[in-house]
Amino acid sequence: MTYRKNVPLVTFRTRVRDESIGGPNPYRWENKTSDDYFGGKRIILFSLPGAFTPTCSTFQLPDFEKLYDQFLELRIDAIYCVSVNDAFVMNAWGKSLGLQKIELIPDGSGEFTRKMGMLVAKDNLGFGMRSWRYAALIDDGVVEQWFEEEGFCDNCETDPYGVSSPQNVLDKLKAAA
């Protein structure tokens, strides 16, 4: 779906590897803004309810990783996954999946997700506030295509997945090319 909206300007608290720190946990805090991630780039952003959850860990994130090079062929500069999880959880999740290509963005407070209009309650699953599942094509900070799962609501009884799948997003981008 064609869509034009600027991504919200927020600051993400990330943890980055820094060998100068030494020890078993050589990471330091680094603030990154929306401009750092989205400015001057054509990217795919996808969001999901949580790290280490079944659909997210078994299908969505691994499949974006597998199809990464096909996205690059369509002039995509990067693919980012954002989730309402803190930097520690996102880093552990990426490490557990052996990610090499997809960059994980921690939205620990849910500020970015809320400002995108995608924050939902998932209290029925014991999650609290999380992101609704979606994907977007963003060019220089402007959302140009939007892929939102149906049924957006608090405490949804199902976990729709298909519209924001990497296969669907890739097919739509190929058809538009």
C-alpha atoms as a PDB file:
ATOM      1  CA  MET A   1       0.000   0.000   0.000  1.00  0.00           C
ATOM      2  CA  THR A   2       1.354   3.448  -0.875  1.00  0.00           C
ATOM      3  CA  TYR A   3       1.772   5.565   2.204  1.00  0.00           C
ATOM      4  CA  ARG A   4       3.624   8.788   3.041  1.00  0.00           C
ATOM      5  CA  LYS A   5       4.514   9.565   6.612  1.00  0.00           C
ATOM      6  CA  ASN A   6       7.733  10.648   8.271  1.00  0.00           C
ATOM      7  CA  VAL A   7       9.136   8.277  10.850  1.00  0.00           C
ATOM      8  CA  PRO A   8       9.076   9.818  14.337  1.00  0.00           C
ATOM      9  CA  LEU A   9      12.272  11.313  15.679  1.00  0.00           C
ATOM     10  CA  VAL A  10      13.309   9.335  18.757  1.00  0.00           C
ATOM     11  CA  THR A  11      16.524   8.264  20.457  1.00  0.00           C
ATOM     12  CA  PHE A  12      17.168   4.549  20.814  1.00  0.00           C
ATOM     13  CA  ARG A  13      19.395   3.273  23.646  1.00  0.00           C
ATOM     14  CA  THR A  14      21.602   0.616  22.097  1.00  0.00           C
ATOM     15  CA  ARG A  15      24.481  -1.511  23.331  1.00  0.00           C
ATOM     16  CA  VAL A  16      27.460  -1.869  20.990  1.00  0.00           C
ATOM     17  CA  ARG A  17      30.486  -4.106  21.228  1.00  0.00           C
ATOM     18  CA  ASP A  18      33.612  -2.239  22.330  1.00  0.00           C
ATOM     19  CA  GLU A  19      36.745  -4.361  22.733  1.00  0.00           C
ATOM     20  CA  SER A  20      38.464  -1.563  24.680  1.00  0.00           C
ATOM     21  CA  ILE A  21      36.159  -2.364  27.612  1.00  0.00           C
ATOM     22  CA  GLY A  22      37.434  -5.923  28.051  1.00  0.00           C
ATOM     23  CA  GLY A  23      35.902  -8.543  30.283  1.00  0.00           C
ATOM     24  CA  PRO A  24      33.037 -10.931  29.575  1.00  0.00           C
ATOM     25  CA  ASN A  25      30.594  -8.172  28.551  1.00  0.00           C
ATOM     26  CA  PRO A  26      32.507  -5.705  26.343  1.00  0.00           C
ATOM     27  CA  TYR A  27      29.564  -3.469  25.417  1.00  0.00           C
ATOM     28  CA  ARG A  28      28.883   0.221  25.922  1.00  0.00           C
ATOM     29  CA  TRP A  29      25.764   2.345  25.657  1.00  0.00           C
ATOM     30  CA  GLU A  30      25.290   4.264  22.432  1.00  0.00           C
ATOM     31  CA  ASN A  31      22.404   6.564  21.595  1.00  0.00           C
ATOM     32  CA  LYS A  32      21.189   6.317  18.018  1.00  0.00           C
ATOM     33  CA  THR A  33      18.424   8.467  16.568  1.00  0.00           C
ATOM     34  CA  SER A  34      15.818   7.849  13.921  1.00  0.00           C
ATOM     35  CA  ASP A  35      17.997   9.942  11.604  1.00  0.00           C
ATOM     36  CA  ASP A  36      20.937   7.592  12.209  1.00  0.00           C
ATOM     37  CA  TYR A  37      18.866   4.615  11.134  1.00  0.00           C
ATOM     38  CA  PHE A  38      16.606   6.074   8.455  1.00  0.00           C
ATOM     39  CA  GLY A  39      18.245   9.243   7.133  1.00  0.00           C
ATOM     40  CA  GLY A  40      19.627   9.071   3.602  1.00  0.00           C
ATOM     41  CA  LYS A  41      18.864   5.354   3.202  1.00  0.00           C
ATOM     42  CA  ARG A  42      16.225   3.187   1.576  1.00  0.00           C
ATOM     43  CA  ILE A  43      15.429   0.513   4.116  1.00  0.00           C
ATOM     44  CA  ILE A  44      12.934  -2.132   5.123  1.00  0.00           C
ATOM     45  CA  LEU A  45      11.750  -1.879   8.711  1.00  0.00           C
ATOM     46  CA  PHE A  46       9.728  -4.630  10.271  1.00  0.00           C
ATOM     47  CA  SER A  47       8.323  -4.865  13.740  1.00  0.00           C
ATOM     48  CA  LEU A  48       7.099  -7.762  15.766  1.00  0.00           C
ATOM     49  CA  PRO A  49       5.682  -8.464  19.227  1.00  0.00           C
ATOM     50  CA  GLY A  50       8.823  -9.724  20.890  1.00  0.00           C
ATOM     51  CA  ALA A  51      12.244 -11.261  20.822  1.00  0.00           C
ATOM     52  CA  PHE A  52      12.415 -15.026  21.363  1.00  0.00           C
ATOM     53  CA  THR A  53       8.704 -15.473  20.523  1.00  0.00           C
ATOM     54  CA  PRO A  54       7.718 -18.376  18.224  1.00  0.00           C
ATOM     55  CA  THR A  55       6.627 -16.722  14.954  1.00  0.00           C
ATOM     56  CA  CYS A  56       9.221 -13.967  15.268  1.00  0.00           C
ATOM     57  CA  SER A  57      12.125 -16.350  15.948  1.00  0.00           C
ATOM     58  CA  THR A  58      11.097 -19.214  13.683  1.00  0.00           C
ATOM     59  CA  PHE A  59       9.840 -17.386  10.599  1.00  0.00           C
ATOM     60  CA  GLN A  60       9.833 -13.605  10.378  1.00  0.00           C
ATOM     61  CA  LEU A  61      13.351 -12.623  11.460  1.00  0.00           C
ATOM     62  CA  PRO A  62      15.174 -15.689  10.042  1.00  0.00           C
ATOM     63  CA  ASP A  63      13.362 -15.351   6.702  1.00  0.00           C
ATOM     64  CA  PHE A  64      14.301 -11.662   6.378  1.00  0.00           C
ATOM     65  CA  GLU A  65      17.896 -12.737   7.055  1.00  0.00           C
ATOM     66  CA  LYS A  66      17.695 -15.458   4.348  1.00  0.00           C
ATOM     67  CA  LEU A  67      16.138 -13.116   1.755  1.00  0.00           C
ATOM     68  CA  TYR A  68      18.397 -10.141   2.580  1.00  0.00           C
ATOM     69  CA  ASP A  69      20.424 -10.294  -0.652  1.00  0.00           C
ATOM     70  CA  GLN A  70      17.246 -10.338  -2.759  1.00  0.00           C
ATOM     71  CA  PHE A  71      16.143  -7.120  -1.041  1.00  0.00           C
ATOM     72  CA  LEU A  72      19.531  -5.554  -1.810  1.00  0.00           C
ATOM     73  CA  GLU A  73      18.936  -6.284  -5.506  1.00  0.00           C
ATOM     74  CA  LEU A  74      15.888  -3.990  -5.249  1.00  0.00           C
ATOM     75  CA  ARG A  75      18.012  -1.036  -4.064  1.00  0.00           C
ATOM     76  CA  ILE A  76      17.369  -1.635  -0.356  1.00  0.00           C
ATOM     77  CA  ASP A  77      20.316  -0.404   1.726  1.00  0.00           C
ATOM     78  CA  ALA A  78      19.482  -2.180   4.999  1.00  0.00           C
ATOM     79  CA  ILE A  79      16.832  -4.156   6.834  1.00  0.00           C
ATOM     80  CA  TYR A  80      15.997  -3.354  10.444  1.00  0.00           C
ATOM     81  CA  CYS A  81      13.889  -5.188  12.978  1.00  0.00           C
ATOM     82  CA  VAL A  82      12.398  -3.121  15.793  1.00  0.00           C
ATOM     83  CA  SER A  83      10.749  -4.564  18.869  1.00  0.00           C
ATOM     84  CA  VAL A  84       9.588  -3.262  22.226  1.00  0.00           C
ATOM     85  CA  ASN A  85      12.451  -4.995  23.999  1.00  0.00           C
ATOM     86  CA  ASP A  86      15.549  -3.569  25.651  1.00  0.00           C
ATOM     87  CA  ALA A  87      19.030  -3.584  24.121  1.00  0.00           C
ATOM     88  CA  PHE A  88      20.193  -6.525  26.250  1.00  0.00           C
ATOM     89  CA  VAL A  89      17.344  -8.746  25.055  1.00  0.00           C
ATOM     90  CA  MET A  90      17.712  -7.675  21.419  1.00  0.00           C
ATOM     91  CA  ASN A  91      21.466  -8.345  21.453  1.00  0.00           C
ATOM     92  CA  ALA A  92      20.989 -11.772  23.056  1.00  0.00           C
ATOM     93  CA  TRP A  93      18.271 -12.631  20.544  1.00  0.00           C
ATOM     94  CA  GLY A  94      20.417 -11.638  17.567  1.00  0.00           C
ATOM     95  CA  LYS A  95      23.332 -13.646  18.928  1.00  0.00           C
ATOM     96  CA  SER A  96      21.126 -16.708  19.545  1.00  0.00           C
ATOM     97  CA  LEU A  97      19.943 -16.621  15.907  1.00  0.00           C
ATOM     98  CA  GLY A  98      23.421 -15.976  14.499  1.00  0.00           C
ATOM     99  CA  LEU A  99      22.287 -12.857  12.652  1.00  0.00           C
ATOM    100  CA  GLN A 100      24.790 -11.395  10.207  1.00  0.00           C
ATOM    101  CA  LYS A 101      22.692  -9.070   8.035  1.00  0.00           C
ATOM    102  CA  ILE A 102      19.597  -7.786   9.828  1.00  0.00           C
ATOM    103  CA  GLU A 103      20.160  -5.034  12.384  1.00  0.00           C
ATOM    104  CA  LEU A 104      18.037  -5.144  15.522  1.00  0.00           C
ATOM    105  CA  ILE A 105      16.707  -1.902  16.991  1.00  0.00           C
ATOM    106  CA  PRO A 106      15.715  -1.939  20.670  1.00  0.00           C
ATOM    107  CA  ASP A 107      12.629   0.165  21.433  1.00  0.00           C
ATOM    108  CA  GLY A 108      12.739  -0.602  25.140  1.00  0.00           C
ATOM    109  CA  SER A 109      10.280   2.077  26.232  1.00  0.00           C
ATOM    110  CA  GLY A 110       8.026   1.652  23.190  1.00  0.00           C
ATOM    111  CA  GLU A 111       8.361   5.336  22.289  1.00  0.00           C
ATOM    112  CA  PHE A 112       9.062   4.756  18.588  1.00  0.00           C
ATOM    113  CA  THR A 113       6.333   2.124  18.342  1.00  0.00           C
ATOM    114  CA  ARG A 114       3.832   4.388  20.098  1.00  0.00           C
ATOM    115  CA  LYS A 115       4.655   7.308  17.806  1.00  0.00           C
ATOM    116  CA  MET A 116       4.278   5.010  14.780  1.00  0.00           C
ATOM    117  CA  GLY A 117       0.757   4.249  16.046  1.00  0.00           C
ATOM    118  CA  MET A 118       1.539   0.552  16.473  1.00  0.00           C
ATOM    119  CA  LEU A 119       1.708   0.093  20.264  1.00  0.00           C
ATOM    120  CA  VAL A 120      -0.818  -2.440  21.567  1.00  0.00           C
ATOM    121  CA  ALA A 121      -1.482  -4.138  24.881  1.00  0.00           C
ATOM    122  CA  LYS A 122      -0.660  -7.817  24.984  1.00  0.00           C
ATOM    123  CA  ASP A 123      -1.557  -8.329  28.632  1.00  0.00           C
ATOM    124  CA  ASN A 124      -3.505 -11.449  27.670  1.00  0.00           C
ATOM    125  CA  LEU A 125      -0.115 -13.044  26.896  1.00  0.00           C
ATOM    126  CA  GLY A 126       1.689 -11.531  29.870  1.00  0.00           C
ATOM    127  CA  PHE A 127       3.720  -9.218  27.595  1.00  0.00           C
ATOM    128  CA  GLY A 128       2.390  -5.777  28.512  1.00  0.00           C
ATOM    129  CA  MET A 129       2.718  -3.129  25.792  1.00  0.00           C
ATOM    130  CA  ARG A 130       4.255  -4.391  22.541  1.00  0.00           C
ATOM    131  CA  SER A 131       4.325  -3.666  18.834  1.00  0.00           C
ATOM    132  CA  TRP A 132       1.717  -4.797  16.390  1.00  0.00           C
ATOM    133  CA  ARG A 133       3.308  -6.757  13.558  1.00  0.00           C
ATOM    134  CA  TYR A 134       4.070  -4.636  10.470  1.00  0.00           C
ATOM    135  CA  ALA A 135       6.708  -3.876   7.845  1.00  0.00           C
ATOM    136  CA  ALA A 136       7.489  -0.721   5.886  1.00  0.00           C
ATOM    137  CA  LEU A 137       9.592   0.554   3.041  1.00  0.00           C
ATOM    138  CA  ILE A 138      11.219   3.758   4.290  1.00  0.00           C
ATOM    139  CA  ASP A 139      13.163   6.090   2.012  1.00  0.00           C
ATOM    140  CA  ASP A 140      15.177   8.843   3.730  1.00  0.00           C
ATOM    141  CA  GLY A 141      12.926   8.809   6.785  1.00  0.00           C
ATOM    142  CA  VAL A 142       9.641   8.735   4.846  1.00  0.00           C
ATOM    143  CA  VAL A 143       7.392   5.663   4.949  1.00  0.00           C
ATOM    144  CA  GLU A 144       6.545   4.891   1.326  1.00  0.00           C
ATOM    145  CA  GLN A 145       4.900   1.478   1.596  1.00  0.00           C
ATOM    146  CA  TRP A 146       3.113  -0.032   4.572  1.00  0.00           C
ATOM    147  CA  PHE A 147       2.432  -3.705   5.346  1.00  0.00           C
ATOM    148  CA  GLU A 148       0.260  -4.033   8.469  1.00  0.00           C
ATOM    149  CA  GLU A 149      -1.234  -7.260   9.716  1.00  0.00           C
ATOM    150  CA  GLU A 150      -5.016  -7.294   9.987  1.00  0.00           C
ATOM    151  CA  GLY A 151      -6.908  -7.174  13.260  1.00  0.00           C
ATOM    152  CA  PHE A 152      -4.974  -4.373  14.995  1.00  0.00           C
ATOM    153  CA  CYS A 153      -6.268  -4.262  18.568  1.00  0.00           C
ATOM    154  CA  ASP A 154      -5.279  -4.607  22.189  1.00  0.00           C
ATOM    155  CA  ASN A 155      -5.126  -8.167  23.539  1.00  0.00           C
ATOM    156  CA  CYS A 156      -5.724  -9.745  20.135  1.00  0.00           C
ATOM    157  CA  GLU A 157      -6.592 -13.414  20.505  1.00  0.00           C
ATOM    158  CA  THR A 158      -4.615 -14.334  17.381  1.00  0.00           C
ATOM    159  CA  ASP A 159      -1.171 -13.458  15.999  1.00  0.00           C
ATOM    160  CA  PRO A 160      -1.769 -12.617  12.341  1.00  0.00           C
ATOM    161  CA  TYR A 161       1.265 -13.112  10.124  1.00  0.00           C
ATOM    162  CA  GLY A 162       1.470 -12.896   6.354  1.00  0.00           C
ATOM    163  CA  VAL A 163       1.140  -9.300   5.182  1.00  0.00           C
ATOM    164  CA  SER A 164       4.415  -8.319   6.902  1.00  0.00           C
ATOM    165  CA  SER A 165       6.244 -11.523   5.968  1.00  0.00           C
ATOM    166  CA  PRO A 166       9.473 -11.005   4.051  1.00  0.00           C
ATOM    167  CA  GLN A 167       8.101 -13.096   1.188  1.00  0.00           C
ATOM    168  CA  ASN A 168       5.064 -10.814   0.798  1.00  0.00           C
ATOM    169  CA  VAL A 169       7.083  -7.597   1.137  1.00  0.00           C
ATOM    170  CA  LEU A 170       9.632  -8.858  -1.406  1.00  0.00           C
ATOM    171  CA  ASP A 171       6.884  -9.875  -3.863  1.00  0.00           C
ATOM    172  CA  LYS A 172       5.230  -6.434  -3.604  1.00  0.00           C
ATOM    173  CA  LEU A 173       8.548  -4.628  -4.117  1.00  0.00           C
ATOM    174  CA  LYS A 174       9.380  -6.799  -7.133  1.00  0.00           C
ATOM    175  CA  ALA A 175       5.957  -6.121  -8.651  1.00  0.00           C
ATOM    176  CA  ALA A 176       6.463  -2.370  -8.228  1.00  0.00           C
ATOM    177  CA  ALA A 177       9.994  -2.392  -9.702  1.00  0.00           C
END
